[in-house]
Amino acid sequence: MEYKRFGDTLVLRLDPPEEICESITAAARAENIALAEISGIGAVDSFTVGVYNTVTKEYRSNTLNGAYEIVSLSGTLTRKDGEPYLHLHFSAGDENGRVSGGHLNRAAVSATAEIIIRIIDGSVGRAFSEKIGLNLFKF
């Protein structure tokens, strides 16, 4: 991973076979980021995404392998227990134009990934909600 900071924004380039979540977390630690908005594009050859069932309060994960273009990578970076906490959603299209996506668990870069981290002045924590079953923003 290489990145450059421009004021309140980090511009990252990831190369094969770097993993997207690990790379964003590493940049957040290096730059001591407490709150940010994340977006990105690129290409991956494997990724795992999940969908949360609000009734059973369980995730169902799907792992896909092959040639995929990132259609959308968006989300937030906050802190939980003092550590960077990513909440990213991801969708990627295959060579036939079929798109799959959900909550991003992992994605391995196959060609490149271009990621923008826009730092927000402030901090927001995370706390587990028994009612919802997820770690929600804690103001």
C-alpha atoms as a PDB file:
ATOM      1  CA  MET A   1       0.000   0.000   0.000  1.00  0.00           C
ATOM      2  CA  GLU A   2       1.106   3.492  -0.774  1.00  0.00           C
ATOM      3  CA  TYR A   3      -0.751   6.601   0.288  1.00  0.00           C
ATOM      4  CA  LYS A   4      -0.434  10.346   0.449  1.00  0.00           C
ATOM      5  CA  ARG A   5      -2.209  12.802   2.715  1.00  0.00           C
ATOM      6  CA  PHE A   6      -3.753  15.982   1.310  1.00  0.00           C
ATOM      7  CA  GLY A   7      -5.124  18.034   4.216  1.00  0.00           C
ATOM      8  CA  ASP A   8      -8.046  16.032   5.633  1.00  0.00           C
ATOM      9  CA  THR A   9      -7.899  13.356   2.915  1.00  0.00           C
ATOM     10  CA  LEU A  10      -5.808  10.225   2.392  1.00  0.00           C
ATOM     11  CA  VAL A  11      -5.456   8.798  -1.102  1.00  0.00           C
ATOM     12  CA  LEU A  12      -4.434   5.118  -1.042  1.00  0.00           C
ATOM     13  CA  ARG A  13      -3.252   2.785  -3.764  1.00  0.00           C
ATOM     14  CA  LEU A  14      -3.351  -0.932  -3.022  1.00  0.00           C
ATOM     15  CA  ASP A  15      -1.550  -3.533  -5.092  1.00  0.00           C
ATOM     16  CA  PRO A  16      -2.034  -7.301  -5.463  1.00  0.00           C
ATOM     17  CA  PRO A  17      -2.552  -9.272  -3.261  1.00  0.00           C
ATOM     18  CA  GLU A  18      -3.182  -6.678  -0.534  1.00  0.00           C
ATOM     19  CA  GLU A  19      -6.376  -7.002   1.493  1.00  0.00           C
ATOM     20  CA  ILE A  20      -8.614  -3.926   1.558  1.00  0.00           C
ATOM     21  CA  CYS A  21      -9.802  -3.967   5.201  1.00  0.00           C
ATOM     22  CA  GLU A  22      -6.314  -4.665   6.572  1.00  0.00           C
ATOM     23  CA  SER A  23      -4.829  -1.856   4.464  1.00  0.00           C
ATOM     24  CA  ILE A  24      -7.422   0.729   5.503  1.00  0.00           C
ATOM     25  CA  THR A  25      -6.971  -0.258   9.158  1.00  0.00           C
ATOM     26  CA  ALA A  26      -3.177   0.068   8.847  1.00  0.00           C
ATOM     27  CA  ALA A  27      -3.506   3.573   7.356  1.00  0.00           C
ATOM     28  CA  ALA A  28      -5.969   4.562  10.105  1.00  0.00           C
ATOM     29  CA  ARG A  29      -3.501   3.432  12.776  1.00  0.00           C
ATOM     30  CA  ALA A  30      -0.539   5.148  11.099  1.00  0.00           C
ATOM     31  CA  GLU A  31      -2.444   8.431  10.773  1.00  0.00           C
ATOM     32  CA  ASN A  32      -4.300   8.093  14.117  1.00  0.00           C
ATOM     33  CA  ILE A  33      -7.689   8.552  12.448  1.00  0.00           C
ATOM     34  CA  ALA A  34     -10.681   8.516  14.774  1.00  0.00           C
ATOM     35  CA  LEU A  35     -13.483   9.297  12.301  1.00  0.00           C
ATOM     36  CA  ALA A  36     -13.625   9.148   8.503  1.00  0.00           C
ATOM     37  CA  GLU A  37     -15.699   8.463   5.433  1.00  0.00           C
ATOM     38  CA  ILE A  38     -14.345   5.853   3.002  1.00  0.00           C
ATOM     39  CA  SER A  39     -14.921   5.253  -0.709  1.00  0.00           C
ATOM     40  CA  GLY A  40     -13.120   3.278  -3.373  1.00  0.00           C
ATOM     41  CA  ILE A  41     -12.909   1.446  -6.685  1.00  0.00           C
ATOM     42  CA  GLY A  42     -10.628  -1.166  -8.200  1.00  0.00           C
ATOM     43  CA  ALA A  43     -10.437  -4.871  -8.974  1.00  0.00           C
ATOM     44  CA  VAL A  44     -10.437  -7.947  -6.737  1.00  0.00           C
ATOM     45  CA  ASP A  45     -10.128 -11.684  -7.272  1.00  0.00           C
ATOM     46  CA  SER A  46     -11.834 -12.798  -4.074  1.00  0.00           C
ATOM     47  CA  PHE A  47     -14.062 -11.188  -1.494  1.00  0.00           C
ATOM     48  CA  THR A  48     -16.343 -12.066   1.383  1.00  0.00           C
ATOM     49  CA  VAL A  49     -19.463 -10.052   2.115  1.00  0.00           C
ATOM     50  CA  GLY A  50     -22.255 -10.603   4.577  1.00  0.00           C
ATOM     51  CA  VAL A  51     -25.891  -9.726   4.942  1.00  0.00           C
ATOM     52  CA  TYR A  52     -27.375  -9.223   8.411  1.00  0.00           C
ATOM     53  CA  ASN A  53     -30.706 -10.890   9.145  1.00  0.00           C
ATOM     54  CA  THR A  54     -32.539  -8.499  11.462  1.00  0.00           C
ATOM     55  CA  VAL A  55     -34.914 -11.225  12.666  1.00  0.00           C
ATOM     56  CA  THR A  56     -32.340 -13.879  13.653  1.00  0.00           C
ATOM     57  CA  LYS A  57     -29.594 -11.280  14.349  1.00  0.00           C
ATOM     58  CA  GLU A  58     -27.106 -13.346  12.376  1.00  0.00           C
ATOM     59  CA  TYR A  59     -24.861 -12.678   9.383  1.00  0.00           C
ATOM     60  CA  ARG A  60     -24.811 -14.875   6.325  1.00  0.00           C
ATOM     61  CA  SER A  61     -21.458 -14.623   4.582  1.00  0.00           C
ATOM     62  CA  ASN A  62     -20.783 -15.213   0.912  1.00  0.00           C
ATOM     63  CA  THR A  63     -17.297 -15.683  -0.543  1.00  0.00           C
ATOM     64  CA  LEU A  64     -16.804 -15.120  -4.251  1.00  0.00           C
ATOM     65  CA  ASN A  65     -13.724 -15.849  -6.358  1.00  0.00           C
ATOM     66  CA  GLY A  66     -12.870 -14.747  -9.898  1.00  0.00           C
ATOM     67  CA  ALA A  67     -12.386 -11.537 -11.854  1.00  0.00           C
ATOM     68  CA  TYR A  68     -14.434  -8.737 -10.265  1.00  0.00           C
ATOM     69  CA  GLU A  69     -14.548  -4.955 -10.650  1.00  0.00           C
ATOM     70  CA  ILE A  70     -15.461  -2.966  -7.546  1.00  0.00           C
ATOM     71  CA  VAL A  71     -18.714  -1.168  -8.317  1.00  0.00           C
ATOM     72  CA  SER A  72     -18.884   0.488  -4.911  1.00  0.00           C
ATOM     73  CA  LEU A  73     -16.884   0.600  -1.696  1.00  0.00           C
ATOM     74  CA  SER A  74     -18.304   2.967   0.894  1.00  0.00           C
ATOM     75  CA  GLY A  75     -18.524   3.266   4.634  1.00  0.00           C
ATOM     76  CA  THR A  76     -17.231   4.715   7.853  1.00  0.00           C
ATOM     77  CA  LEU A  77     -14.209   4.434  10.073  1.00  0.00           C
ATOM     78  CA  THR A  78     -14.750   5.007  13.776  1.00  0.00           C
ATOM     79  CA  ARG A  79     -13.154   3.699  16.980  1.00  0.00           C
ATOM     80  CA  LYS A  80     -14.234   0.866  19.259  1.00  0.00           C
ATOM     81  CA  ASP A  81     -12.249   0.186  22.432  1.00  0.00           C
ATOM     82  CA  GLY A  82      -9.564   2.547  21.122  1.00  0.00           C
ATOM     83  CA  GLU A  83      -9.029   0.608  17.889  1.00  0.00           C
ATOM     84  CA  PRO A  84     -10.046   1.482  14.311  1.00  0.00           C
ATOM     85  CA  TYR A  85     -13.479   0.039  13.500  1.00  0.00           C
ATOM     86  CA  LEU A  86     -14.563  -0.292   9.881  1.00  0.00           C
ATOM     87  CA  HIS A  87     -18.154  -0.445   8.702  1.00  0.00           C
ATOM     88  CA  LEU A  88     -17.847  -0.940   4.945  1.00  0.00           C
ATOM     89  CA  HIS A  89     -20.320  -1.956   2.273  1.00  0.00           C
ATOM     90  CA  PHE A  90     -19.033  -3.398  -0.978  1.00  0.00           C
ATOM     91  CA  SER A  91     -20.381  -4.461  -4.339  1.00  0.00           C
ATOM     92  CA  ALA A  92     -18.472  -5.954  -7.255  1.00  0.00           C
ATOM     93  CA  GLY A  93     -19.433  -7.037 -10.757  1.00  0.00           C
ATOM     94  CA  ASP A  94     -18.261 -10.096 -12.651  1.00  0.00           C
ATOM     95  CA  GLU A  95     -17.464 -10.369 -16.374  1.00  0.00           C
ATOM     96  CA  ASN A  96     -21.159 -10.920 -17.145  1.00  0.00           C
ATOM     97  CA  GLY A  97     -22.242  -7.790 -15.305  1.00  0.00           C
ATOM     98  CA  ARG A  98     -23.729  -9.618 -12.326  1.00  0.00           C
ATOM     99  CA  VAL A  99     -23.194  -7.682  -9.107  1.00  0.00           C
ATOM    100  CA  SER A 100     -22.903  -9.136  -5.610  1.00  0.00           C
ATOM    101  CA  GLY A 101     -22.404  -7.259  -2.400  1.00  0.00           C
ATOM    102  CA  GLY A 102     -23.053  -6.620   1.246  1.00  0.00           C
ATOM    103  CA  HIS A 103     -21.106  -5.826   4.391  1.00  0.00           C
ATOM    104  CA  LEU A 104     -17.404  -6.208   3.531  1.00  0.00           C
ATOM    105  CA  ASN A 105     -15.470  -8.775   5.555  1.00  0.00           C
ATOM    106  CA  ARG A 106     -12.439  -9.074   3.262  1.00  0.00           C
ATOM    107  CA  ALA A 107     -11.351  -8.433  -0.329  1.00  0.00           C
ATOM    108  CA  ALA A 108      -8.064  -9.298  -2.050  1.00  0.00           C
ATOM    109  CA  VAL A 109      -6.851  -6.834  -4.679  1.00  0.00           C
ATOM    110  CA  SER A 110      -6.149  -8.359  -8.111  1.00  0.00           C
ATOM    111  CA  ALA A 111      -4.998  -5.318 -10.122  1.00  0.00           C
ATOM    112  CA  THR A 112      -5.295  -2.168  -8.012  1.00  0.00           C
ATOM    113  CA  ALA A 113      -7.614  -0.442  -5.582  1.00  0.00           C
ATOM    114  CA  GLU A 114      -7.972   3.318  -5.299  1.00  0.00           C
ATOM    115  CA  ILE A 115      -9.328   4.295  -1.907  1.00  0.00           C
ATOM    116  CA  ILE A 116     -10.175   7.717  -0.516  1.00  0.00           C
ATOM    117  CA  ILE A 117     -10.341   8.276   3.239  1.00  0.00           C
ATOM    118  CA  ARG A 118     -11.872  11.640   4.129  1.00  0.00           C
ATOM    119  CA  ILE A 119     -11.015  12.438   7.722  1.00  0.00           C
ATOM    120  CA  ILE A 120     -13.722  14.117   9.792  1.00  0.00           C
ATOM    121  CA  ASP A 121     -12.677  16.343  12.680  1.00  0.00           C
ATOM    122  CA  GLY A 122     -14.057  14.618  15.761  1.00  0.00           C
ATOM    123  CA  SER A 123     -14.654  11.141  17.056  1.00  0.00           C
ATOM    124  CA  VAL A 124     -17.526   8.706  17.297  1.00  0.00           C
ATOM    125  CA  GLY A 125     -17.352   5.467  19.214  1.00  0.00           C
ATOM    126  CA  ARG A 126     -19.204   2.178  18.890  1.00  0.00           C
ATOM    127  CA  ALA A 127     -21.397   0.346  21.395  1.00  0.00           C
ATOM    128  CA  PHE A 128     -23.242  -2.927  21.055  1.00  0.00           C
ATOM    129  CA  SER A 129     -27.028  -2.612  20.894  1.00  0.00           C
ATOM    130  CA  GLU A 130     -28.834  -5.615  22.381  1.00  0.00           C
ATOM    131  CA  LYS A 131     -32.039  -4.511  20.620  1.00  0.00           C
ATOM    132  CA  ILE A 132     -30.476  -4.324  17.147  1.00  0.00           C
ATOM    133  CA  GLY A 133     -27.653  -6.822  17.607  1.00  0.00           C
ATOM    134  CA  LEU A 134     -24.970  -4.596  16.074  1.00  0.00           C
ATOM    135  CA  ASN A 135     -22.257  -2.143  17.128  1.00  0.00           C
ATOM    136  CA  LEU A 136     -23.910   1.244  16.581  1.00  0.00           C
ATOM    137  CA  PHE A 137     -22.551   4.791  16.627  1.00  0.00           C
ATOM    138  CA  LYS A 138     -22.031   6.011  20.185  1.00  0.00           C
ATOM    139  CA  PHE A 139     -22.044   9.802  20.514  1.00  0.00           C
END
